[in-house]
């Protein structure tokens, strides 16, 4: 069964949530390419984003559908993943604004 060190900071909220769901099924995030036909490079970027700040890859709609179907995710899990995807997208937007030097109320 896949295990993880929860004391370690995982940066990408979406990837962390997906990793937890897969781990609850005894599957490693690294197996997404074989089990759900997610491109190997996308899986590598997801895994790296757990360790690397300011990296925010997420799955496309088609990729999400594959994961939901292959791993039999229930409605609550799908909702959790979509919420994590939204949170990750917002975090990316805020980081982009920060890098561009746009502060609160600024343009």
PDB file of N, CA and C in Angstrom:
ATOM      1  N   UNK A   1       0.838  -1.185   0.000  1.00  0.00           N
ATOM      2  CA  UNK A   1       0.000   0.000   0.000  1.00  0.00           C
ATOM      3  C   UNK A   1       0.878   1.240   0.000  1.00  0.00           C
ATOM      4  N   UNK A   2       0.468   2.258  -0.739  1.00  0.00           N
ATOM      5  CA  UNK A   2       1.223   3.502  -0.817  1.00  0.00           C
ATOM      6  C   UNK A   2       1.119   4.245   0.505  1.00  0.00           C
ATOM      7  N   UNK A   3       2.249   4.785   0.933  1.00  0.00           N
ATOM      8  CA  UNK A   3       2.257   5.587   2.140  1.00  0.00           C
ATOM      9  C   UNK A   3       2.938   6.900   1.838  1.00  0.00           C
ATOM     10  N   UNK A   4       2.671   7.877   2.658  1.00  0.00           N
ATOM     11  CA  UNK A   4       3.281   9.181   2.463  1.00  0.00           C
ATOM     12  C   UNK A   4       3.641   9.760   3.808  1.00  0.00           C
ATOM     13  N   UNK A   5       4.650  10.636   3.799  1.00  0.00           N
ATOM     14  CA  UNK A   5       5.069  11.334   5.002  1.00  0.00           C
ATOM     15  C   UNK A   5       4.263  12.628   5.091  1.00  0.00           C
ATOM     16  N   UNK A   6       3.217  12.623   5.921  1.00  0.00           N
ATOM     17  CA  UNK A   6       2.341  13.785   6.004  1.00  0.00           C
ATOM     18  C   UNK A   6       2.995  14.954   6.731  1.00  0.00           C
ATOM     19  N   UNK A   7       4.176  14.754   7.351  1.00  0.00           N
ATOM     20  CA  UNK A   7       4.862  15.860   7.993  1.00  0.00           C
ATOM     21  C   UNK A   7       5.578  16.722   6.948  1.00  0.00           C
ATOM     22  N   UNK A   8       5.748  16.201   5.747  1.00  0.00           N
ATOM     23  CA  UNK A   8       6.397  16.934   4.673  1.00  0.00           C
ATOM     24  C   UNK A   8       5.390  17.874   4.012  1.00  0.00           C
ATOM     25  N   UNK A   9       5.789  19.107   3.762  1.00  0.00           N
ATOM     26  CA  UNK A   9       4.933  20.083   3.079  1.00  0.00           C
ATOM     27  C   UNK A   9       4.749  19.641   1.624  1.00  0.00           C
ATOM     28  N   UNK A  10       3.481  19.513   1.231  1.00  0.00           N
ATOM     29  CA  UNK A  10       3.174  19.216  -0.169  1.00  0.00           C
ATOM     30  C   UNK A  10       2.579  20.489  -0.753  1.00  0.00           C
ATOM     31  N   UNK A  11       3.150  21.000  -1.819  1.00  0.00           N
ATOM     32  CA  UNK A  11       2.822  22.321  -2.320  1.00  0.00           C
ATOM     33  C   UNK A  11       1.549  22.383  -3.138  1.00  0.00           C
ATOM     34  N   UNK A  12       1.396  21.539  -4.111  1.00  0.00           N
ATOM     35  CA  UNK A  12       0.234  21.611  -5.011  1.00  0.00           C
ATOM     36  C   UNK A  12      -0.976  20.982  -4.318  1.00  0.00           C
ATOM     37  N   UNK A  13      -1.967  21.800  -4.009  1.00  0.00           N
ATOM     38  CA  UNK A  13      -3.153  21.334  -3.280  1.00  0.00           C
ATOM     39  C   UNK A  13      -3.882  20.236  -4.053  1.00  0.00           C
ATOM     40  N   UNK A  14      -4.054  20.436  -5.359  1.00  0.00           N
ATOM     41  CA  UNK A  14      -4.743  19.448  -6.180  1.00  0.00           C
ATOM     42  C   UNK A  14      -3.985  18.122  -6.197  1.00  0.00           C
ATOM     43  N   UNK A  15      -2.685  18.181  -6.457  1.00  0.00           N
ATOM     44  CA  UNK A  15      -1.882  16.959  -6.517  1.00  0.00           C
ATOM     45  C   UNK A  15      -1.870  16.240  -5.165  1.00  0.00           C
ATOM     46  N   UNK A  16      -1.836  16.999  -4.081  1.00  0.00           N
ATOM     47  CA  UNK A  16      -1.846  16.402  -2.738  1.00  0.00           C
ATOM     48  C   UNK A  16      -3.174  15.675  -2.485  1.00  0.00           C
ATOM     49  N   UNK A  17      -4.277  16.303  -2.867  1.00  0.00           N
ATOM     50  CA  UNK A  17      -5.594  15.689  -2.671  1.00  0.00           C
ATOM     51  C   UNK A  17      -5.723  14.423  -3.524  1.00  0.00           C
ATOM     52  N   UNK A  18      -5.280  14.504  -4.765  1.00  0.00           N
ATOM     53  CA  UNK A  18      -5.321  13.342  -5.645  1.00  0.00           C
ATOM     54  C   UNK A  18      -4.434  12.226  -5.100  1.00  0.00           C
ATOM     55  N   UNK A  19      -3.253  12.582  -4.625  1.00  0.00           N
ATOM     56  CA  UNK A  19      -2.339  11.594  -4.048  1.00  0.00           C
ATOM     57  C   UNK A  19      -2.992  10.891  -2.855  1.00  0.00           C
ATOM     58  N   UNK A  20      -3.674  11.657  -1.995  1.00  0.00           N
ATOM     59  CA  UNK A  20      -4.345  11.071  -0.833  1.00  0.00           C
ATOM     60  C   UNK A  20      -5.455  10.100  -1.248  1.00  0.00           C
ATOM     61  N   UNK A  21      -6.244  10.498  -2.247  1.00  0.00           N
ATOM     62  CA  UNK A  21      -7.336   9.626  -2.709  1.00  0.00           C
ATOM     63  C   UNK A  21      -6.803   8.333  -3.297  1.00  0.00           C
ATOM     64  N   UNK A  22      -5.752   8.452  -4.087  1.00  0.00           N
ATOM     65  CA  UNK A  22      -5.173   7.247  -4.680  1.00  0.00           C
ATOM     66  C   UNK A  22      -4.540   6.363  -3.606  1.00  0.00           C
ATOM     67  N   UNK A  23      -3.873   6.993  -2.636  1.00  0.00           N
ATOM     68  CA  UNK A  23      -3.242   6.233  -1.552  1.00  0.00           C
ATOM     69  C   UNK A  23      -4.282   5.453  -0.755  1.00  0.00           C
ATOM     70  N   UNK A  24      -5.479   6.024  -0.603  1.00  0.00           N
ATOM     71  CA  UNK A  24      -6.537   5.317   0.129  1.00  0.00           C
ATOM     72  C   UNK A  24      -6.982   4.057  -0.617  1.00  0.00           C
ATOM     73  N   UNK A  25      -6.641   3.987  -1.900  1.00  0.00           N
ATOM     74  CA  UNK A  25      -6.944   2.802  -2.712  1.00  0.00           C
ATOM     75  C   UNK A  25      -5.708   1.928  -2.921  1.00  0.00           C
ATOM     76  N   UNK A  26      -4.608   2.290  -2.240  1.00  0.00           N
ATOM     77  CA  UNK A  26      -3.380   1.521  -2.362  1.00  0.00           C
ATOM     78  C   UNK A  26      -2.653   1.749  -3.667  1.00  0.00           C
ATOM     79  N   UNK A  27      -2.867   2.927  -4.266  1.00  0.00           N
ATOM     80  CA  UNK A  27      -2.268   3.243  -5.567  1.00  0.00           C
ATOM     81  C   UNK A  27      -1.406   4.489  -5.427  1.00  0.00           C
ATOM     82  N   UNK A  28      -0.257   4.466  -6.043  1.00  0.00           N
ATOM     83  CA  UNK A  28       0.652   5.604  -6.031  1.00  0.00           C
ATOM     84  C   UNK A  28       0.289   6.569  -7.158  1.00  0.00           C
ATOM     85  N   UNK A  29       0.521   7.841  -6.927  1.00  0.00           N
ATOM     86  CA  UNK A  29       0.305   8.865  -7.942  1.00  0.00           C
ATOM     87  C   UNK A  29       1.088   8.541  -9.212  1.00  0.00           C
ATOM     88  N   UNK A  30       2.236   7.927  -9.059  1.00  0.00           N
ATOM     89  CA  UNK A  30       3.089   7.610 -10.205  1.00  0.00           C
ATOM     90  C   UNK A  30       2.469   6.568 -11.137  1.00  0.00           C
ATOM     91  N   UNK A  31       1.410   5.897 -10.705  1.00  0.00           N
ATOM     92  CA  UNK A  31       0.761   4.885 -11.551  1.00  0.00           C
ATOM     93  C   UNK A  31      -0.362   5.448 -12.423  1.00  0.00           C
ATOM     94  N   UNK A  32      -0.592   6.753 -12.374  1.00  0.00           N
ATOM     95  CA  UNK A  32      -1.656   7.343 -13.193  1.00  0.00           C
ATOM     96  C   UNK A  32      -1.439   7.108 -14.679  1.00  0.00           C
ATOM     97  N   UNK A  33      -0.179   7.095 -15.108  1.00  0.00           N
ATOM     98  CA  UNK A  33       0.062   6.890 -16.533  1.00  0.00           C
ATOM     99  C   UNK A  33      -0.346   5.487 -16.967  1.00  0.00           C
ATOM    100  N   UNK A  34      -0.023   4.484 -16.189  1.00  0.00           N
ATOM    101  CA  UNK A  34      -0.373   3.097 -16.543  1.00  0.00           C
ATOM    102  C   UNK A  34      -1.849   2.785 -16.333  1.00  0.00           C
ATOM    103  N   UNK A  35      -2.400   3.227 -15.232  1.00  0.00           N
ATOM    104  CA  UNK A  35      -3.770   2.847 -14.874  1.00  0.00           C
ATOM    105  C   UNK A  35      -4.835   3.693 -15.565  1.00  0.00           C
ATOM    106  N   UNK A  36      -4.591   5.004 -15.709  1.00  0.00           N
ATOM    107  CA  UNK A  36      -5.619   5.903 -16.245  1.00  0.00           C
ATOM    108  C   UNK A  36      -5.199   6.551 -17.563  1.00  0.00           C
ATOM    109  N   UNK A  37      -4.104   6.083 -18.124  1.00  0.00           N
ATOM    110  CA  UNK A  37      -3.607   6.605 -19.414  1.00  0.00           C
ATOM    111  C   UNK A  37      -3.375   8.114 -19.397  1.00  0.00           C
ATOM    112  N   UNK A  38      -2.862   8.613 -18.275  1.00  0.00           N
ATOM    113  CA  UNK A  38      -2.466  10.017 -18.189  1.00  0.00           C
ATOM    114  C   UNK A  38      -1.018  10.080 -18.677  1.00  0.00           C
ATOM    115  N   UNK A  39      -0.729  11.038 -19.525  1.00  0.00           N
ATOM    116  CA  UNK A  39       0.610  11.131 -20.117  1.00  0.00           C
ATOM    117  C   UNK A  39       1.684  11.142 -19.028  1.00  0.00           C
ATOM    118  N   UNK A  40       2.736  10.391 -19.267  1.00  0.00           N
ATOM    119  CA  UNK A  40       3.825  10.223 -18.293  1.00  0.00           C
ATOM    120  C   UNK A  40       4.409  11.564 -17.844  1.00  0.00           C
ATOM    121  N   UNK A  41       4.564  12.506 -18.765  1.00  0.00           N
ATOM    122  CA  UNK A  41       5.124  13.814 -18.415  1.00  0.00           C
ATOM    123  C   UNK A  41       4.187  14.586 -17.488  1.00  0.00           C
ATOM    124  N   UNK A  42       2.880  14.483 -17.700  1.00  0.00           N
ATOM    125  CA  UNK A  42       1.907  15.148 -16.816  1.00  0.00           C
ATOM    126  C   UNK A  42       2.016  14.553 -15.412  1.00  0.00           C
ATOM    127  N   UNK A  43       2.139  13.245 -15.325  1.00  0.00           N
ATOM    128  CA  UNK A  43       2.273  12.582 -14.024  1.00  0.00           C
ATOM    129  C   UNK A  43       3.555  13.042 -13.337  1.00  0.00           C
ATOM    130  N   UNK A  44       4.632  13.149 -14.103  1.00  0.00           N
ATOM    131  CA  UNK A  44       5.902  13.606 -13.534  1.00  0.00           C
ATOM    132  C   UNK A  44       5.761  15.031 -12.985  1.00  0.00           C
ATOM    133  N   UNK A  45       5.084  15.907 -13.738  1.00  0.00           N
ATOM    134  CA  UNK A  45       4.893  17.288 -13.282  1.00  0.00           C
ATOM    135  C   UNK A  45       4.009  17.343 -12.029  1.00  0.00           C
ATOM    136  N   UNK A  46       2.969  16.502 -11.983  1.00  0.00           N
ATOM    137  CA  UNK A  46       2.129  16.449 -10.780  1.00  0.00           C
ATOM    138  C   UNK A  46       2.952  16.034  -9.570  1.00  0.00           C
ATOM    139  N   UNK A  47       3.754  14.997  -9.738  1.00  0.00           N
ATOM    140  CA  UNK A  47       4.577  14.509  -8.627  1.00  0.00           C
ATOM    141  C   UNK A  47       5.586  15.565  -8.189  1.00  0.00           C
ATOM    142  N   UNK A  48       6.224  16.226  -9.147  1.00  0.00           N
ATOM    143  CA  UNK A  48       7.206  17.270  -8.830  1.00  0.00           C
ATOM    144  C   UNK A  48       6.556  18.448  -8.125  1.00  0.00           C
ATOM    145  N   UNK A  49       5.302  18.758  -8.501  1.00  0.00           N
ATOM    146  CA  UNK A  49       4.623  19.921  -7.920  1.00  0.00           C
ATOM    147  C   UNK A  49       4.335  19.739  -6.434  1.00  0.00           C
ATOM    148  N   UNK A  50       4.378  18.522  -5.960  1.00  0.00           N
ATOM    149  CA  UNK A  50       4.214  18.285  -4.525  1.00  0.00           C
ATOM    150  C   UNK A  50       5.428  18.797  -3.754  1.00  0.00           C
ATOM    151  N   UNK A  51       6.585  18.770  -4.401  1.00  0.00           N
ATOM    152  CA  UNK A  51       7.845  19.136  -3.758  1.00  0.00           C
ATOM    153  C   UNK A  51       8.314  20.538  -4.107  1.00  0.00           C
ATOM    154  N   UNK A  52       7.836  21.057  -5.229  1.00  0.00           N
ATOM    155  CA  UNK A  52       8.340  22.317  -5.774  1.00  0.00           C
ATOM    156  C   UNK A  52       7.286  23.417  -5.652  1.00  0.00           C
ATOM    157  N   UNK A  53       7.582  24.462  -4.886  1.00  0.00           N
ATOM    158  CA  UNK A  53       6.619  25.560  -4.782  1.00  0.00           C
ATOM    159  C   UNK A  53       6.455  26.271  -6.119  1.00  0.00           C
ATOM    160  N   UNK A  54       5.304  26.901  -6.303  1.00  0.00           N
ATOM    161  CA  UNK A  54       4.990  27.694  -7.489  1.00  0.00           C
ATOM    162  C   UNK A  54       4.851  26.850  -8.745  1.00  0.00           C
ATOM    163  N   UNK A  55       4.517  25.599  -8.591  1.00  0.00           N
ATOM    164  CA  UNK A  55       4.247  24.709  -9.718  1.00  0.00           C
ATOM    165  C   UNK A  55       2.831  24.182  -9.520  1.00  0.00           C
ATOM    166  N   UNK A  56       1.956  24.417 -10.504  1.00  0.00           N
ATOM    167  CA  UNK A  56       0.536  24.157 -10.300  1.00  0.00           C
ATOM    168  C   UNK A  56      -0.128  23.333 -11.402  1.00  0.00           C
ATOM    169  N   UNK A  57       0.445  22.230 -11.834  1.00  0.00           N
ATOM    170  CA  UNK A  57      -0.250  21.436 -12.850  1.00  0.00           C
ATOM    171  C   UNK A  57      -1.522  20.813 -12.267  1.00  0.00           C
ATOM    172  N   UNK A  58      -2.532  20.706 -13.105  1.00  0.00           N
ATOM    173  CA  UNK A  58      -3.779  20.019 -12.755  1.00  0.00           C
ATOM    174  C   UNK A  58      -4.155  19.144 -13.941  1.00  0.00           C
ATOM    175  N   UNK A  59      -5.181  18.349 -13.792  1.00  0.00           N
ATOM    176  CA  UNK A  59      -5.636  17.490 -14.882  1.00  0.00           C
ATOM    177  C   UNK A  59      -6.668  18.219 -15.734  1.00  0.00           C
ATOM    178  N   UNK A  60      -6.698  17.869 -17.010  1.00  0.00           N
ATOM    179  CA  UNK A  60      -7.731  18.395 -17.902  1.00  0.00           C
ATOM    180  C   UNK A  60      -9.058  17.707 -17.580  1.00  0.00           C
ATOM    181  N   UNK A  61     -10.127  18.193 -18.171  1.00  0.00           N
ATOM    182  CA  UNK A  61     -11.448  17.583 -17.967  1.00  0.00           C
ATOM    183  C   UNK A  61     -11.440  16.114 -18.394  1.00  0.00           C
ATOM    184  N   UNK A  62     -10.852  15.831 -19.550  1.00  0.00           N
ATOM    185  CA  UNK A  62     -10.790  14.447 -20.031  1.00  0.00           C
ATOM    186  C   UNK A  62      -9.966  13.562 -19.098  1.00  0.00           C
ATOM    187  N   UNK A  63      -8.845  14.098 -18.618  1.00  0.00           N
ATOM    188  CA  UNK A  63      -8.002  13.339 -17.693  1.00  0.00           C
ATOM    189  C   UNK A  63      -8.733  13.083 -16.377  1.00  0.00           C
ATOM    190  N   UNK A  64      -9.442  14.098 -15.888  1.00  0.00           N
ATOM    191  CA  UNK A  64     -10.233  13.925 -14.655  1.00  0.00           C
ATOM    192  C   UNK A  64     -11.281  12.837 -14.849  1.00  0.00           C
ATOM    193  N   UNK A  65     -11.972  12.860 -15.992  1.00  0.00           N
ATOM    194  CA  UNK A  65     -12.981  11.839 -16.271  1.00  0.00           C
ATOM    195  C   UNK A  65     -12.381  10.439 -16.257  1.00  0.00           C
ATOM    196  N   UNK A  66     -11.190  10.292 -16.822  1.00  0.00           N
ATOM    197  CA  UNK A  66     -10.507   8.991 -16.815  1.00  0.00           C
ATOM    198  C   UNK A  66     -10.219   8.538 -15.387  1.00  0.00           C
ATOM    199  N   UNK A  67      -9.683   9.444 -14.578  1.00  0.00           N
ATOM    200  CA  UNK A  67      -9.338   9.108 -13.186  1.00  0.00           C
ATOM    201  C   UNK A  67     -10.600   8.736 -12.410  1.00  0.00           C
ATOM    202  N   UNK A  68     -11.659   9.501 -12.585  1.00  0.00           N
ATOM    203  CA  UNK A  68     -12.926   9.224 -11.890  1.00  0.00           C
ATOM    204  C   UNK A  68     -13.441   7.842 -12.256  1.00  0.00           C
ATOM    205  N   UNK A  69     -13.410   7.535 -13.532  1.00  0.00           N
ATOM    206  CA  UNK A  69     -13.918   6.247 -14.014  1.00  0.00           C
ATOM    207  C   UNK A  69     -13.020   5.076 -13.587  1.00  0.00           C
ATOM    208  N   UNK A  70     -11.719   5.197 -13.835  1.00  0.00           N
ATOM    209  CA  UNK A  70     -10.780   4.101 -13.555  1.00  0.00           C
ATOM    210  C   UNK A  70     -10.726   3.763 -12.063  1.00  0.00           C
ATOM    211  N   UNK A  71     -10.738   4.793 -11.211  1.00  0.00           N
ATOM    212  CA  UNK A  71     -10.598   4.551  -9.780  1.00  0.00           C
ATOM    213  C   UNK A  71     -11.930   4.562  -9.040  1.00  0.00           C
ATOM    214  N   UNK A  72     -13.026   4.713  -9.768  1.00  0.00           N
ATOM    215  CA  UNK A  72     -14.352   4.649  -9.163  1.00  0.00           C
ATOM    216  C   UNK A  72     -14.572   5.680  -8.068  1.00  0.00           C
ATOM    217  N   UNK A  73     -14.164   6.915  -8.318  1.00  0.00           N
ATOM    218  CA  UNK A  73     -14.328   7.953  -7.300  1.00  0.00           C
ATOM    219  C   UNK A  73     -15.805   8.249  -7.086  1.00  0.00           C
ATOM    220  N   UNK A  74     -16.178   8.427  -5.835  1.00  0.00           N
ATOM    221  CA  UNK A  74     -17.577   8.739  -5.519  1.00  0.00           C
ATOM    222  C   UNK A  74     -17.811  10.251  -5.629  1.00  0.00           C
ATOM    223  N   UNK A  75     -19.062  10.667  -5.481  1.00  0.00           N
ATOM    224  CA  UNK A  75     -19.417  12.078  -5.648  1.00  0.00           C
ATOM    225  C   UNK A  75     -18.667  12.994  -4.689  1.00  0.00           C
ATOM    226  N   UNK A  76     -18.478  12.557  -3.465  1.00  0.00           N
ATOM    227  CA  UNK A  76     -17.761  13.362  -2.470  1.00  0.00           C
ATOM    228  C   UNK A  76     -16.298  13.530  -2.881  1.00  0.00           C
ATOM    229  N   UNK A  77     -15.674  12.466  -3.355  1.00  0.00           N
ATOM    230  CA  UNK A  77     -14.278  12.542  -3.781  1.00  0.00           C
ATOM    231  C   UNK A  77     -14.129  13.440  -5.006  1.00  0.00           C
ATOM    232  N   UNK A  78     -15.073  13.329  -5.934  1.00  0.00           N
ATOM    233  CA  UNK A  78     -15.033  14.188  -7.121  1.00  0.00           C
ATOM    234  C   UNK A  78     -15.160  15.647  -6.704  1.00  0.00           C
ATOM    235  N   UNK A  79     -16.053  15.930  -5.789  1.00  0.00           N
ATOM    236  CA  UNK A  79     -16.234  17.294  -5.292  1.00  0.00           C
ATOM    237  C   UNK A  79     -14.957  17.796  -4.616  1.00  0.00           C
ATOM    238  N   UNK A  80     -14.334  16.961  -3.818  1.00  0.00           N
ATOM    239  CA  UNK A  80     -13.073  17.323  -3.157  1.00  0.00           C
ATOM    240  C   UNK A  80     -11.992  17.637  -4.181  1.00  0.00           C
ATOM    241  N   UNK A  81     -11.890  16.813  -5.229  1.00  0.00           N
ATOM    242  CA  UNK A  81     -10.882  17.055  -6.265  1.00  0.00           C
ATOM    243  C   UNK A  81     -11.162  18.351  -7.024  1.00  0.00           C
ATOM    244  N   UNK A  82     -12.424  18.592  -7.322  1.00  0.00           N
ATOM    245  CA  UNK A  82     -12.770  19.830  -8.033  1.00  0.00           C
ATOM    246  C   UNK A  82     -12.507  21.054  -7.162  1.00  0.00           C
ATOM    247  N   UNK A  83     -12.779  20.953  -5.871  1.00  0.00           N
ATOM    248  CA  UNK A  83     -12.486  22.055  -4.950  1.00  0.00           C
ATOM    249  C   UNK A  83     -10.974  22.287  -4.873  1.00  0.00           C
ATOM    250  N   UNK A  84     -10.210  21.212  -4.840  1.00  0.00           N
ATOM    251  CA  UNK A  84      -8.749  21.322  -4.804  1.00  0.00           C
ATOM    252  C   UNK A  84      -8.228  21.925  -6.105  1.00  0.00           C
ATOM    253  N   UNK A  85      -8.876  21.577  -7.218  1.00  0.00           N
ATOM    254  CA  UNK A  85      -8.489  22.135  -8.501  1.00  0.00           C
ATOM    255  C   UNK A  85      -8.744  23.651  -8.514  1.00  0.00           C
ATOM    256  N   UNK A  86      -9.883  24.052  -7.991  1.00  0.00           N
ATOM    257  CA  UNK A  86     -10.218  25.475  -7.909  1.00  0.00           C
ATOM    258  C   UNK A  86      -9.227  26.210  -7.005  1.00  0.00           C
ATOM    259  N   UNK A  87      -8.938  25.630  -5.851  1.00  0.00           N
ATOM    260  CA  UNK A  87      -7.991  26.251  -4.917  1.00  0.00           C
ATOM    261  C   UNK A  87      -6.610  26.392  -5.558  1.00  0.00           C
ATOM    262  N   UNK A  88      -6.192  25.379  -6.293  1.00  0.00           N
ATOM    263  CA  UNK A  88      -4.893  25.416  -6.969  1.00  0.00           C
ATOM    264  C   UNK A  88      -4.878  26.495  -8.045  1.00  0.00           C
ATOM    265  N   UNK A  89      -5.971  26.604  -8.787  1.00  0.00           N
ATOM    266  CA  UNK A  89      -6.057  27.631  -9.830  1.00  0.00           C
ATOM    267  C   UNK A  89      -6.009  29.036  -9.230  1.00  0.00           C
ATOM    268  N   UNK A  90      -6.679  29.237  -8.112  1.00  0.00           N
ATOM    269  CA  UNK A  90      -6.656  30.536  -7.428  1.00  0.00           C
ATOM    270  C   UNK A  90      -5.250  30.824  -6.906  1.00  0.00           C
ATOM    271  N   UNK A  91      -4.622  29.818  -6.324  1.00  0.00           N
ATOM    272  CA  UNK A  91      -3.264  30.000  -5.820  1.00  0.00           C
ATOM    273  C   UNK A  91      -2.316  30.390  -6.961  1.00  0.00           C
ATOM    274  N   UNK A  92      -2.449  29.747  -8.100  1.00  0.00           N
ATOM    275  CA  UNK A  92      -1.614  30.073  -9.259  1.00  0.00           C
ATOM    276  C   UNK A  92      -1.852  31.516  -9.690  1.00  0.00           C
ATOM    277  N   UNK A  93      -3.110  31.919  -9.762  1.00  0.00           N
ATOM    278  CA  UNK A  93      -3.444  33.282 -10.161  1.00  0.00           C
ATOM    279  C   UNK A  93      -2.820  34.293  -9.187  1.00  0.00           C
ATOM    280  N   UNK A  94      -2.917  34.024  -7.899  1.00  0.00           N
ATOM    281  CA  UNK A  94      -2.351  34.934  -6.898  1.00  0.00           C
ATOM    282  C   UNK A  94      -0.827  34.989  -6.998  1.00  0.00           C
ATOM    283  N   UNK A  95      -0.216  33.853  -7.244  1.00  0.00           N
ATOM    284  CA  UNK A  95       1.248  33.826  -7.394  1.00  0.00           C
ATOM    285  C   UNK A  95       1.668  34.598  -8.642  1.00  0.00           C
ATOM    286  N   UNK A  96       0.917  34.451  -9.721  1.00  0.00           N
ATOM    287  CA  UNK A  96       1.223  35.187 -10.954  1.00  0.00           C
ATOM    288  C   UNK A  96       1.112  36.685 -10.722  1.00  0.00           C
ATOM    289  N   UNK A  97       0.068  37.094  -9.997  1.00  0.00           N
ATOM    290  CA  UNK A  97      -0.104  38.519  -9.676  1.00  0.00           C
ATOM    291  C   UNK A  97       1.043  39.007  -8.815  1.00  0.00           C
ATOM    292  N   UNK A  98       1.444  38.196  -7.858  1.00  0.00           N
ATOM    293  CA  UNK A  98       2.538  38.568  -6.966  1.00  0.00           C
ATOM    294  C   UNK A  98       3.843  38.735  -7.755  1.00  0.00           C
ATOM    295  N   UNK A  99       4.110  37.794  -8.665  1.00  0.00           N
ATOM    296  CA  UNK A  99       5.319  37.873  -9.488  1.00  0.00           C
ATOM    297  C   UNK A  99       5.296  39.096 -10.396  1.00  0.00           C
ATOM    298  N   UNK A 100       4.097  39.473 -10.848  1.00  0.00           N
ATOM    299  CA  UNK A 100       3.965  40.636 -11.738  1.00  0.00           C
ATOM    300  C   UNK A 100       4.017  41.949 -10.952  1.00  0.00           C
ATOM    301  N   UNK A 101       4.037  41.864  -9.626  1.00  0.00           N
ATOM    302  CA  UNK A 101       4.123  43.056  -8.796  1.00  0.00           C
ATOM    303  C   UNK A 101       2.791  43.768  -8.628  1.00  0.00           C
ATOM    304  N   UNK A 102       1.700  43.057  -8.872  1.00  0.00           N
ATOM    305  CA  UNK A 102       0.381  43.652  -8.706  1.00  0.00           C
ATOM    306  C   UNK A 102      -0.091  43.354  -7.297  1.00  0.00           C
ATOM    307  N   UNK A 103      -0.263  44.397  -6.525  1.00  0.00           N
ATOM    308  CA  UNK A 103      -0.714  44.231  -5.146  1.00  0.00           C
ATOM    309  C   UNK A 103      -2.207  44.384  -5.036  1.00  0.00           C
ATOM    310  N   UNK A 104      -2.745  44.298  -3.840  1.00  0.00           N
ATOM    311  CA  UNK A 104      -4.183  44.470  -3.632  1.00  0.00           C
ATOM    312  C   UNK A 104      -4.621  45.845  -4.137  1.00  0.00           C
ATOM    313  N   UNK A 105      -5.644  45.845  -4.955  1.00  0.00           N
ATOM    314  CA  UNK A 105      -6.191  47.084  -5.485  1.00  0.00           C
ATOM    315  C   UNK A 105      -5.369  47.706  -6.598  1.00  0.00           C
ATOM    316  N   UNK A 106      -4.216  47.099  -6.906  1.00  0.00           N
ATOM    317  CA  UNK A 106      -3.356  47.633  -7.957  1.00  0.00           C
ATOM    318  C   UNK A 106      -3.649  47.045  -9.315  1.00  0.00           C
ATOM    319  N   UNK A 107      -3.059  47.628 -10.334  1.00  0.00           N
ATOM    320  CA  UNK A 107      -3.249  47.126 -11.695  1.00  0.00           C
ATOM    321  C   UNK A 107      -1.942  46.717 -12.303  1.00  0.00           C
TER     322      UNK A 107
END
